[in-house]
């Protein structure tokens, strides 16, 4: 799920993550890239870039819902996925993180 979840309202994010967790086989891995809402200036630039892109695409009222990395990890835990996150901002001005979410089992 690369740059998908922030386009959904919070409840829809939770439903999608839950459905993904149910669909993944035990031991399976889900890779997620999202912005970290606690990313300070990097997050400000990420959010500004998304808003500018929406504006240029004619979607001026487009809503986004961002979470902090700990909030994403907590959501994955509630859905039965164990998560590890890695910063992906090296060489960029953005607050992206890679989240590896694995379903327990073998």
PDB file of N, CA and C in Angstrom:
ATOM      1  N   UNK A   1       0.862  -1.162   0.000  1.00  0.00           N
ATOM      2  CA  UNK A   1       0.000   0.000   0.000  1.00  0.00           C
ATOM      3  C   UNK A   1       0.911   1.228   0.000  1.00  0.00           C
ATOM      4  N   UNK A   2       1.177   1.743  -1.155  1.00  0.00           N
ATOM      5  CA  UNK A   2       2.090   2.878  -1.291  1.00  0.00           C
ATOM      6  C   UNK A   2       1.294   4.152  -1.519  1.00  0.00           C
ATOM      7  N   UNK A   3       1.355   5.043  -0.551  1.00  0.00           N
ATOM      8  CA  UNK A   3       0.687   6.344  -0.651  1.00  0.00           C
ATOM      9  C   UNK A   3      -0.799   6.208  -0.955  1.00  0.00           C
ATOM     10  N   UNK A   4      -1.465   5.303  -0.255  1.00  0.00           N
ATOM     11  CA  UNK A   4      -2.892   5.061  -0.463  1.00  0.00           C
ATOM     12  C   UNK A   4      -3.720   5.492   0.740  1.00  0.00           C
ATOM     13  N   UNK A   5      -3.289   5.093   1.906  1.00  0.00           N
ATOM     14  CA  UNK A   5      -4.138   5.214   3.088  1.00  0.00           C
ATOM     15  C   UNK A   5      -4.495   6.644   3.447  1.00  0.00           C
ATOM     16  N   UNK A   6      -3.607   7.593   3.240  1.00  0.00           N
ATOM     17  CA  UNK A   6      -3.905   8.973   3.636  1.00  0.00           C
ATOM     18  C   UNK A   6      -5.016   9.612   2.803  1.00  0.00           C
ATOM     19  N   UNK A   7      -5.391   8.984   1.707  1.00  0.00           N
ATOM     20  CA  UNK A   7      -6.510   9.493   0.903  1.00  0.00           C
ATOM     21  C   UNK A   7      -7.862   9.078   1.484  1.00  0.00           C
ATOM     22  N   UNK A   8      -7.862   8.186   2.465  1.00  0.00           N
ATOM     23  CA  UNK A   8      -9.094   7.662   3.042  1.00  0.00           C
ATOM     24  C   UNK A   8      -9.380   8.296   4.402  1.00  0.00           C
ATOM     25  N   UNK A   9     -10.658   8.457   4.746  1.00  0.00           N
ATOM     26  CA  UNK A   9     -10.985   8.896   6.105  1.00  0.00           C
ATOM     27  C   UNK A   9     -10.526   7.836   7.113  1.00  0.00           C
ATOM     28  N   UNK A  10     -10.400   8.229   8.369  1.00  0.00           N
ATOM     29  CA  UNK A  10      -9.877   7.336   9.408  1.00  0.00           C
ATOM     30  C   UNK A  10     -10.619   6.003   9.463  1.00  0.00           C
ATOM     31  N   UNK A  11     -11.932   6.033   9.453  1.00  0.00           N
ATOM     32  CA  UNK A  11     -12.708   4.788   9.554  1.00  0.00           C
ATOM     33  C   UNK A  11     -12.457   3.886   8.345  1.00  0.00           C
ATOM     34  N   UNK A  12     -12.347   4.470   7.166  1.00  0.00           N
ATOM     35  CA  UNK A  12     -12.067   3.678   5.959  1.00  0.00           C
ATOM     36  C   UNK A  12     -10.656   3.101   5.997  1.00  0.00           C
ATOM     37  N   UNK A  13      -9.703   3.842   6.547  1.00  0.00           N
ATOM     38  CA  UNK A  13      -8.349   3.303   6.718  1.00  0.00           C
ATOM     39  C   UNK A  13      -8.399   2.051   7.588  1.00  0.00           C
ATOM     40  N   UNK A  14      -9.129   2.146   8.684  1.00  0.00           N
ATOM     41  CA  UNK A  14      -9.213   1.021   9.607  1.00  0.00           C
ATOM     42  C   UNK A  14      -9.881  -0.184   8.954  1.00  0.00           C
ATOM     43  N   UNK A  15     -10.931   0.057   8.186  1.00  0.00           N
ATOM     44  CA  UNK A  15     -11.595  -1.055   7.490  1.00  0.00           C
ATOM     45  C   UNK A  15     -10.656  -1.703   6.485  1.00  0.00           C
ATOM     46  N   UNK A  16      -9.921  -0.891   5.727  1.00  0.00           N
ATOM     47  CA  UNK A  16      -9.018  -1.437   4.716  1.00  0.00           C
ATOM     48  C   UNK A  16      -7.888  -2.238   5.367  1.00  0.00           C
ATOM     49  N   UNK A  17      -7.275  -1.692   6.404  1.00  0.00           N
ATOM     50  CA  UNK A  17      -6.190  -2.416   7.073  1.00  0.00           C
ATOM     51  C   UNK A  17      -6.729  -3.727   7.656  1.00  0.00           C
ATOM     52  N   UNK A  18      -7.912  -3.704   8.212  1.00  0.00           N
ATOM     53  CA  UNK A  18      -8.518  -4.920   8.752  1.00  0.00           C
ATOM     54  C   UNK A  18      -8.731  -5.961   7.649  1.00  0.00           C
ATOM     55  N   UNK A  19      -9.242  -5.520   6.503  1.00  0.00           N
ATOM     56  CA  UNK A  19      -9.486  -6.447   5.384  1.00  0.00           C
ATOM     57  C   UNK A  19      -8.176  -7.009   4.845  1.00  0.00           C
ATOM     58  N   UNK A  20      -7.168  -6.166   4.755  1.00  0.00           N
ATOM     59  CA  UNK A  20      -5.855  -6.630   4.299  1.00  0.00           C
ATOM     60  C   UNK A  20      -5.302  -7.662   5.279  1.00  0.00           C
ATOM     61  N   UNK A  21      -5.412  -7.377   6.564  1.00  0.00           N
ATOM     62  CA  UNK A  21      -4.914  -8.312   7.578  1.00  0.00           C
ATOM     63  C   UNK A  21      -5.627  -9.659   7.487  1.00  0.00           C
ATOM     64  N   UNK A  22      -6.915  -9.645   7.220  1.00  0.00           N
ATOM     65  CA  UNK A  22      -7.664 -10.892   7.083  1.00  0.00           C
ATOM     66  C   UNK A  22      -7.249 -11.661   5.834  1.00  0.00           C
ATOM     67  N   UNK A  23      -6.881 -10.944   4.778  1.00  0.00           N
ATOM     68  CA  UNK A  23      -6.540 -11.577   3.506  1.00  0.00           C
ATOM     69  C   UNK A  23      -5.116 -12.130   3.465  1.00  0.00           C
ATOM     70  N   UNK A  24      -4.245 -11.621   4.309  1.00  0.00           N
ATOM     71  CA  UNK A  24      -2.849 -12.046   4.294  1.00  0.00           C
ATOM     72  C   UNK A  24      -2.719 -13.395   4.987  1.00  0.00           C
ATOM     73  N   UNK A  25      -1.975 -14.292   4.365  1.00  0.00           N
ATOM     74  CA  UNK A  25      -1.730 -15.609   4.950  1.00  0.00           C
ATOM     75  C   UNK A  25      -0.866 -15.476   6.208  1.00  0.00           C
ATOM     76  N   UNK A  26      -1.002 -16.392   7.136  1.00  0.00           N
ATOM     77  CA  UNK A  26      -0.115 -16.375   8.302  1.00  0.00           C
ATOM     78  C   UNK A  26       1.351 -16.336   7.861  1.00  0.00           C
ATOM     79  N   UNK A  27       2.113 -15.466   8.488  1.00  0.00           N
ATOM     80  CA  UNK A  27       3.506 -15.268   8.104  1.00  0.00           C
ATOM     81  C   UNK A  27       3.679 -14.288   6.958  1.00  0.00           C
ATOM     82  N   UNK A  28       2.562 -13.860   6.360  1.00  0.00           N
ATOM     83  CA  UNK A  28       2.612 -12.940   5.226  1.00  0.00           C
ATOM     84  C   UNK A  28       3.028 -11.540   5.629  1.00  0.00           C
ATOM     85  N   UNK A  29       3.453 -10.791   4.644  1.00  0.00           N
ATOM     86  CA  UNK A  29       3.991  -9.451   4.864  1.00  0.00           C
ATOM     87  C   UNK A  29       3.236  -8.435   4.023  1.00  0.00           C
ATOM     88  N   UNK A  30       2.902  -7.311   4.634  1.00  0.00           N
ATOM     89  CA  UNK A  30       2.290  -6.182   3.935  1.00  0.00           C
ATOM     90  C   UNK A  30       3.282  -5.023   4.039  1.00  0.00           C
ATOM     91  N   UNK A  31       3.580  -4.393   2.915  1.00  0.00           N
ATOM     92  CA  UNK A  31       4.458  -3.228   2.902  1.00  0.00           C
ATOM     93  C   UNK A  31       3.618  -1.982   2.700  1.00  0.00           C
ATOM     94  N   UNK A  32       3.855  -1.004   3.561  1.00  0.00           N
ATOM     95  CA  UNK A  32       3.071   0.229   3.539  1.00  0.00           C
ATOM     96  C   UNK A  32       4.027   1.406   3.560  1.00  0.00           C
ATOM     97  N   UNK A  33       3.795   2.359   2.666  1.00  0.00           N
ATOM     98  CA  UNK A  33       4.535   3.616   2.746  1.00  0.00           C
ATOM     99  C   UNK A  33       3.524   4.715   3.000  1.00  0.00           C
ATOM    100  N   UNK A  34       3.761   5.446   4.068  1.00  0.00           N
ATOM    101  CA  UNK A  34       2.892   6.557   4.426  1.00  0.00           C
ATOM    102  C   UNK A  34       3.738   7.674   5.015  1.00  0.00           C
ATOM    103  N   UNK A  35       3.127   8.823   5.133  1.00  0.00           N
ATOM    104  CA  UNK A  35       3.781   9.960   5.777  1.00  0.00           C
ATOM    105  C   UNK A  35       3.618   9.833   7.285  1.00  0.00           C
ATOM    106  N   UNK A  36       4.627  10.250   8.012  1.00  0.00           N
ATOM    107  CA  UNK A  36       4.573  10.263   9.474  1.00  0.00           C
ATOM    108  C   UNK A  36       4.091  11.642   9.913  1.00  0.00           C
ATOM    109  N   UNK A  37       2.897  11.703  10.490  1.00  0.00           N
ATOM    110  CA  UNK A  37       2.310  12.985  10.899  1.00  0.00           C
ATOM    111  C   UNK A  37       3.106  13.671  12.003  1.00  0.00           C
ATOM    112  N   UNK A  38       4.036  12.959  12.617  1.00  0.00           N
ATOM    113  CA  UNK A  38       4.909  13.579  13.614  1.00  0.00           C
ATOM    114  C   UNK A  38       6.257  13.952  13.001  1.00  0.00           C
ATOM    115  N   UNK A  39       6.303  14.083  11.710  1.00  0.00           N
ATOM    116  CA  UNK A  39       7.558  14.324  11.000  1.00  0.00           C
ATOM    117  C   UNK A  39       8.012  15.769  10.937  1.00  0.00           C
ATOM    118  N   UNK A  40       7.432  16.663  11.723  1.00  0.00           N
ATOM    119  CA  UNK A  40       7.880  18.053  11.779  1.00  0.00           C
ATOM    120  C   UNK A  40       7.830  18.758  10.428  1.00  0.00           C
ATOM    121  N   UNK A  41       8.911  19.455  10.103  1.00  0.00           N
ATOM    122  CA  UNK A  41       8.980  20.193   8.841  1.00  0.00           C
ATOM    123  C   UNK A  41       8.823  19.261   7.645  1.00  0.00           C
ATOM    124  N   UNK A  42       9.397  18.084   7.730  1.00  0.00           N
ATOM    125  CA  UNK A  42       9.255  17.119   6.621  1.00  0.00           C
ATOM    126  C   UNK A  42       7.777  16.784   6.385  1.00  0.00           C
ATOM    127  N   UNK A  43       7.015  16.611   7.475  1.00  0.00           N
ATOM    128  CA  UNK A  43       5.594  16.326   7.305  1.00  0.00           C
ATOM    129  C   UNK A  43       4.866  17.527   6.731  1.00  0.00           C
ATOM    130  N   UNK A  44       5.215  18.718   7.173  1.00  0.00           N
ATOM    131  CA  UNK A  44       4.614  19.932   6.618  1.00  0.00           C
ATOM    132  C   UNK A  44       4.828  19.971   5.100  1.00  0.00           C
ATOM    133  N   UNK A  45       6.035  19.649   4.654  1.00  0.00           N
ATOM    134  CA  UNK A  45       6.331  19.653   3.216  1.00  0.00           C
ATOM    135  C   UNK A  45       5.592  18.535   2.490  1.00  0.00           C
ATOM    136  N   UNK A  46       5.482  17.377   3.127  1.00  0.00           N
ATOM    137  CA  UNK A  46       4.731  16.261   2.537  1.00  0.00           C
ATOM    138  C   UNK A  46       3.279  16.659   2.328  1.00  0.00           C
ATOM    139  N   UNK A  47       2.683  17.190   3.384  1.00  0.00           N
ATOM    140  CA  UNK A  47       1.270  17.595   3.320  1.00  0.00           C
ATOM    141  C   UNK A  47       1.062  18.714   2.309  1.00  0.00           C
ATOM    142  N   UNK A  48       1.967  19.679   2.290  1.00  0.00           N
ATOM    143  CA  UNK A  48       1.861  20.779   1.322  1.00  0.00           C
ATOM    144  C   UNK A  48       1.960  20.252  -0.104  1.00  0.00           C
ATOM    145  N   UNK A  49       2.844  19.305  -0.338  1.00  0.00           N
ATOM    146  CA  UNK A  49       2.977  18.714  -1.669  1.00  0.00           C
ATOM    147  C   UNK A  49       1.722  17.981  -2.104  1.00  0.00           C
ATOM    148  N   UNK A  50       1.110  17.238  -1.188  1.00  0.00           N
ATOM    149  CA  UNK A  50      -0.138  16.527  -1.511  1.00  0.00           C
ATOM    150  C   UNK A  50      -1.263  17.511  -1.805  1.00  0.00           C
ATOM    151  N   UNK A  51      -1.343  18.573  -1.009  1.00  0.00           N
ATOM    152  CA  UNK A  51      -2.387  19.579  -1.251  1.00  0.00           C
ATOM    153  C   UNK A  51      -2.173  20.275  -2.586  1.00  0.00           C
ATOM    154  N   UNK A  52      -0.930  20.606  -2.899  1.00  0.00           N
ATOM    155  CA  UNK A  52      -0.633  21.256  -4.184  1.00  0.00           C
ATOM    156  C   UNK A  52      -0.979  20.324  -5.337  1.00  0.00           C
ATOM    157  N   UNK A  53      -0.641  19.047  -5.207  1.00  0.00           N
ATOM    158  CA  UNK A  53      -0.971  18.077  -6.249  1.00  0.00           C
ATOM    159  C   UNK A  53      -2.465  17.946  -6.454  1.00  0.00           C
ATOM    160  N   UNK A  54      -3.222  17.915  -5.360  1.00  0.00           N
ATOM    161  CA  UNK A  54      -4.683  17.841  -5.455  1.00  0.00           C
ATOM    162  C   UNK A  54      -5.237  19.098  -6.114  1.00  0.00           C
ATOM    163  N   UNK A  55      -4.697  20.233  -5.733  1.00  0.00           N
ATOM    164  CA  UNK A  55      -5.153  21.493  -6.305  1.00  0.00           C
ATOM    165  C   UNK A  55      -4.894  21.522  -7.811  1.00  0.00           C
ATOM    166  N   UNK A  56      -3.702  21.105  -8.221  1.00  0.00           N
ATOM    167  CA  UNK A  56      -3.361  21.098  -9.650  1.00  0.00           C
ATOM    168  C   UNK A  56      -4.195  20.096 -10.437  1.00  0.00           C
ATOM    169  N   UNK A  57      -4.651  19.034  -9.768  1.00  0.00           N
ATOM    170  CA  UNK A  57      -5.481  18.025 -10.422  1.00  0.00           C
ATOM    171  C   UNK A  57      -6.963  18.406 -10.408  1.00  0.00           C
ATOM    172  N   UNK A  58      -7.283  19.597  -9.898  1.00  0.00           N
ATOM    173  CA  UNK A  58      -8.674  20.045  -9.866  1.00  0.00           C
ATOM    174  C   UNK A  58      -9.463  19.502  -8.687  1.00  0.00           C
ATOM    175  N   UNK A  59      -8.768  18.981  -7.687  1.00  0.00           N
ATOM    176  CA  UNK A  59      -9.433  18.432  -6.501  1.00  0.00           C
ATOM    177  C   UNK A  59      -9.112  19.302  -5.293  1.00  0.00           C
ATOM    178  N   UNK A  60      -9.489  20.560  -5.379  1.00  0.00           N
ATOM    179  CA  UNK A  60      -9.115  21.549  -4.366  1.00  0.00           C
ATOM    180  C   UNK A  60      -9.640  21.225  -2.971  1.00  0.00           C
ATOM    181  N   UNK A  61     -10.771  20.560  -2.868  1.00  0.00           N
ATOM    182  CA  UNK A  61     -11.342  20.242  -1.572  1.00  0.00           C
ATOM    183  C   UNK A  61     -10.953  18.869  -1.053  1.00  0.00           C
ATOM    184  N   UNK A  62     -10.005  18.239  -1.693  1.00  0.00           N
ATOM    185  CA  UNK A  62      -9.604  16.877  -1.333  1.00  0.00           C
ATOM    186  C   UNK A  62      -9.175  16.797   0.133  1.00  0.00           C
ATOM    187  N   UNK A  63      -9.749  15.859   0.853  1.00  0.00           N
ATOM    188  CA  UNK A  63      -9.392  15.664   2.263  1.00  0.00           C
ATOM    189  C   UNK A  63      -8.350  14.553   2.373  1.00  0.00           C
ATOM    190  N   UNK A  64      -7.482  14.696   3.335  1.00  0.00           N
ATOM    191  CA  UNK A  64      -6.467  13.697   3.629  1.00  0.00           C
ATOM    192  C   UNK A  64      -6.552  13.385   5.118  1.00  0.00           C
ATOM    193  N   UNK A  65      -6.188  12.167   5.479  1.00  0.00           N
ATOM    194  CA  UNK A  65      -6.101  11.816   6.898  1.00  0.00           C
ATOM    195  C   UNK A  65      -4.758  11.145   7.151  1.00  0.00           C
ATOM    196  N   UNK A  66      -3.940  11.825   7.913  1.00  0.00           N
ATOM    197  CA  UNK A  66      -2.603  11.318   8.235  1.00  0.00           C
ATOM    198  C   UNK A  66      -2.571  10.827   9.672  1.00  0.00           C
ATOM    199  N   UNK A  67      -1.673   9.883   9.935  1.00  0.00           N
ATOM    200  CA  UNK A  67      -1.447   9.365  11.280  1.00  0.00           C
ATOM    201  C   UNK A  67       0.057   9.409  11.547  1.00  0.00           C
ATOM    202  N   UNK A  68       0.389   9.398  12.804  1.00  0.00           N
ATOM    203  CA  UNK A  68       1.802   9.262  13.158  1.00  0.00           C
ATOM    204  C   UNK A  68       2.202   7.789  13.002  1.00  0.00           C
ATOM    205  N   UNK A  69       3.482   7.547  12.898  1.00  0.00           N
ATOM    206  CA  UNK A  69       3.947   6.166  12.791  1.00  0.00           C
ATOM    207  C   UNK A  69       3.478   5.327  13.981  1.00  0.00           C
ATOM    208  N   UNK A  70       3.581   5.811  15.228  1.00  0.00           N
ATOM    209  CA  UNK A  70       3.052   4.995  16.342  1.00  0.00           C
ATOM    210  C   UNK A  70       1.557   4.705  16.205  1.00  0.00           C
ATOM    211  N   UNK A  71       0.798   5.633  15.652  1.00  0.00           N
ATOM    212  CA  UNK A  71      -0.635   5.392  15.444  1.00  0.00           C
ATOM    213  C   UNK A  71      -0.869   4.312  14.384  1.00  0.00           C
ATOM    214  N   UNK A  72      -0.057   4.315  13.327  1.00  0.00           N
ATOM    215  CA  UNK A  72      -0.163   3.249  12.316  1.00  0.00           C
ATOM    216  C   UNK A  72       0.165   1.899  12.934  1.00  0.00           C
ATOM    217  N   UNK A  73       1.240   1.844  13.707  1.00  0.00           N
ATOM    218  CA  UNK A  73       1.643   0.592  14.340  1.00  0.00           C
ATOM    219  C   UNK A  73       0.537   0.090  15.269  1.00  0.00           C
ATOM    220  N   UNK A  74      -0.076   0.980  16.033  1.00  0.00           N
ATOM    221  CA  UNK A  74      -1.166   0.591  16.931  1.00  0.00           C
ATOM    222  C   UNK A  74      -2.352   0.036  16.145  1.00  0.00           C
ATOM    223  N   UNK A  75      -2.686   0.667  15.021  1.00  0.00           N
ATOM    224  CA  UNK A  75      -3.781   0.164  14.176  1.00  0.00           C
ATOM    225  C   UNK A  75      -3.451  -1.228  13.658  1.00  0.00           C
ATOM    226  N   UNK A  76      -2.247  -1.424  13.178  1.00  0.00           N
ATOM    227  CA  UNK A  76      -1.860  -2.743  12.663  1.00  0.00           C
ATOM    228  C   UNK A  76      -1.928  -3.789  13.773  1.00  0.00           C
ATOM    229  N   UNK A  77      -1.469  -3.430  14.958  1.00  0.00           N
ATOM    230  CA  UNK A  77      -1.541  -4.358  16.088  1.00  0.00           C
ATOM    231  C   UNK A  77      -2.988  -4.770  16.364  1.00  0.00           C
ATOM    232  N   UNK A  78      -3.908  -3.803  16.356  1.00  0.00           N
ATOM    233  CA  UNK A  78      -5.322  -4.107  16.598  1.00  0.00           C
ATOM    234  C   UNK A  78      -5.875  -5.062  15.542  1.00  0.00           C
ATOM    235  N   UNK A  79      -5.296  -5.012  14.349  1.00  0.00           N
ATOM    236  CA  UNK A  79      -5.770  -5.855  13.245  1.00  0.00           C
ATOM    237  C   UNK A  79      -5.005  -7.171  13.138  1.00  0.00           C
ATOM    238  N   UNK A  80      -4.092  -7.426  14.074  1.00  0.00           N
ATOM    239  CA  UNK A  80      -3.364  -8.693  14.069  1.00  0.00           C
ATOM    240  C   UNK A  80      -2.089  -8.689  13.252  1.00  0.00           C
ATOM    241  N   UNK A  81      -1.556  -7.513  12.961  1.00  0.00           N
ATOM    242  CA  UNK A  81      -0.301  -7.398  12.219  1.00  0.00           C
ATOM    243  C   UNK A  81       0.761  -6.807  13.145  1.00  0.00           C
ATOM    244  N   UNK A  82       1.944  -7.373  13.143  1.00  0.00           N
ATOM    245  CA  UNK A  82       3.056  -6.854  13.936  1.00  0.00           C
ATOM    246  C   UNK A  82       3.927  -6.007  13.026  1.00  0.00           C
ATOM    247  N   UNK A  83       4.143  -4.762  13.401  1.00  0.00           N
ATOM    248  CA  UNK A  83       4.772  -3.792  12.509  1.00  0.00           C
ATOM    249  C   UNK A  83       6.139  -3.328  12.981  1.00  0.00           C
ATOM    250  N   UNK A  84       6.969  -3.065  12.000  1.00  0.00           N
ATOM    251  CA  UNK A  84       8.252  -2.412  12.195  1.00  0.00           C
ATOM    252  C   UNK A  84       8.311  -1.284  11.182  1.00  0.00           C
ATOM    253  N   UNK A  85       8.801  -0.123  11.604  1.00  0.00           N
ATOM    254  CA  UNK A  85       8.852   1.019  10.677  1.00  0.00           C
ATOM    255  C   UNK A  85      10.289   1.467  10.462  1.00  0.00           C
ATOM    256  N   UNK A  86      10.503   2.012   9.271  1.00  0.00           N
ATOM    257  CA  UNK A  86      11.822   2.498   8.871  1.00  0.00           C
ATOM    258  C   UNK A  86      11.664   3.855   8.197  1.00  0.00           C
ATOM    259  N   UNK A  87      12.441   4.839   8.586  1.00  0.00           N
ATOM    260  CA  UNK A  87      12.362   6.135   7.897  1.00  0.00           C
ATOM    261  C   UNK A  87      12.799   5.980   6.439  1.00  0.00           C
ATOM    262  N   UNK A  88      12.129   6.709   5.560  1.00  0.00           N
ATOM    263  CA  UNK A  88      12.458   6.685   4.126  1.00  0.00           C
ATOM    264  C   UNK A  88      12.773   8.079   3.609  1.00  0.00           C
ATOM    265  N   UNK A  89      13.173   8.965   4.484  1.00  0.00           N
ATOM    266  CA  UNK A  89      13.333  10.349   4.041  1.00  0.00           C
ATOM    267  C   UNK A  89      14.752  10.698   3.637  1.00  0.00           C
ATOM    268  N   UNK A  90      15.684   9.792   3.723  1.00  0.00           N
ATOM    269  CA  UNK A  90      17.062  10.111   3.339  1.00  0.00           C
ATOM    270  C   UNK A  90      17.088  10.640   1.901  1.00  0.00           C
ATOM    271  N   UNK A  91      17.675  11.799   1.736  1.00  0.00           N
ATOM    272  CA  UNK A  91      17.789  12.392   0.410  1.00  0.00           C
ATOM    273  C   UNK A  91      16.534  13.077  -0.090  1.00  0.00           C
ATOM    274  N   UNK A  92      15.487  13.148   0.732  1.00  0.00           N
ATOM    275  CA  UNK A  92      14.246  13.814   0.330  1.00  0.00           C
ATOM    276  C   UNK A  92      13.832  14.796   1.422  1.00  0.00           C
ATOM    277  N   UNK A  93      12.952  15.731   1.091  1.00  0.00           N
ATOM    278  CA  UNK A  93      12.433  16.637   2.127  1.00  0.00           C
ATOM    279  C   UNK A  93      11.162  16.101   2.788  1.00  0.00           C
ATOM    280  N   UNK A  94      10.759  14.866   2.476  1.00  0.00           N
ATOM    281  CA  UNK A  94       9.461  14.360   2.905  1.00  0.00           C
ATOM    282  C   UNK A  94       9.554  13.440   4.110  1.00  0.00           C
ATOM    283  N   UNK A  95       8.435  13.232   4.792  1.00  0.00           N
ATOM    284  CA  UNK A  95       8.364  12.461   6.034  1.00  0.00           C
ATOM    285  C   UNK A  95       7.844  11.043   5.807  1.00  0.00           C
ATOM    286  N   UNK A  96       8.238  10.405   4.739  1.00  0.00           N
ATOM    287  CA  UNK A  96       7.748   9.060   4.449  1.00  0.00           C
ATOM    288  C   UNK A  96       8.427   8.008   5.320  1.00  0.00           C
ATOM    289  N   UNK A  97       7.638   6.995   5.689  1.00  0.00           N
ATOM    290  CA  UNK A  97       8.161   5.845   6.408  1.00  0.00           C
ATOM    291  C   UNK A  97       7.695   4.576   5.697  1.00  0.00           C
ATOM    292  N   UNK A  98       8.518   3.545   5.793  1.00  0.00           N
ATOM    293  CA  UNK A  98       8.141   2.223   5.312  1.00  0.00           C
ATOM    294  C   UNK A  98       7.729   1.421   6.531  1.00  0.00           C
ATOM    295  N   UNK A  99       6.561   0.816   6.457  1.00  0.00           N
ATOM    296  CA  UNK A  99       6.077  -0.022   7.542  1.00  0.00           C
ATOM    297  C   UNK A  99       5.964  -1.440   7.012  1.00  0.00           C
ATOM    298  N   UNK A 100       6.668  -2.344   7.678  1.00  0.00           N
ATOM    299  CA  UNK A 100       6.537  -3.770   7.390  1.00  0.00           C
ATOM    300  C   UNK A 100       5.560  -4.342   8.409  1.00  0.00           C
ATOM    301  N   UNK A 101       4.431  -4.809   7.936  1.00  0.00           N
ATOM    302  CA  UNK A 101       3.398  -5.356   8.817  1.00  0.00           C
ATOM    303  C   UNK A 101       3.263  -6.838   8.509  1.00  0.00           C
ATOM    304  N   UNK A 102       3.598  -7.663   9.473  1.00  0.00           N
ATOM    305  CA  UNK A 102       3.593  -9.118   9.278  1.00  0.00           C
ATOM    306  C   UNK A 102       2.502  -9.767  10.112  1.00  0.00           C
ATOM    307  N   UNK A 103       1.832 -10.753   9.485  1.00  0.00           N
ATOM    308  CA  UNK A 103       0.801 -11.492  10.202  1.00  0.00           C
ATOM    309  C   UNK A 103       1.464 -12.659  10.945  1.00  0.00           C
ATOM    310  N   UNK A 104       1.139 -12.795  12.208  1.00  0.00           N
ATOM    311  CA  UNK A 104       1.709 -13.890  13.001  1.00  0.00           C
ATOM    312  C   UNK A 104       1.339 -15.237  12.397  1.00  0.00           C
ATOM    313  N   UNK A 105       2.161 -16.221  12.651  1.00  0.00           N
ATOM    314  CA  UNK A 105       1.908 -17.574  12.182  1.00  0.00           C
ATOM    315  C   UNK A 105       2.939 -18.010  11.175  1.00  0.00           C
ATOM    316  N   UNK A 106       2.772 -19.232  10.696  1.00  0.00           N
ATOM    317  CA  UNK A 106       3.731 -19.753   9.697  1.00  0.00           C
ATOM    318  C   UNK A 106       3.027 -20.412   8.552  1.00  0.00           C
TER     319      UNK A 106
END
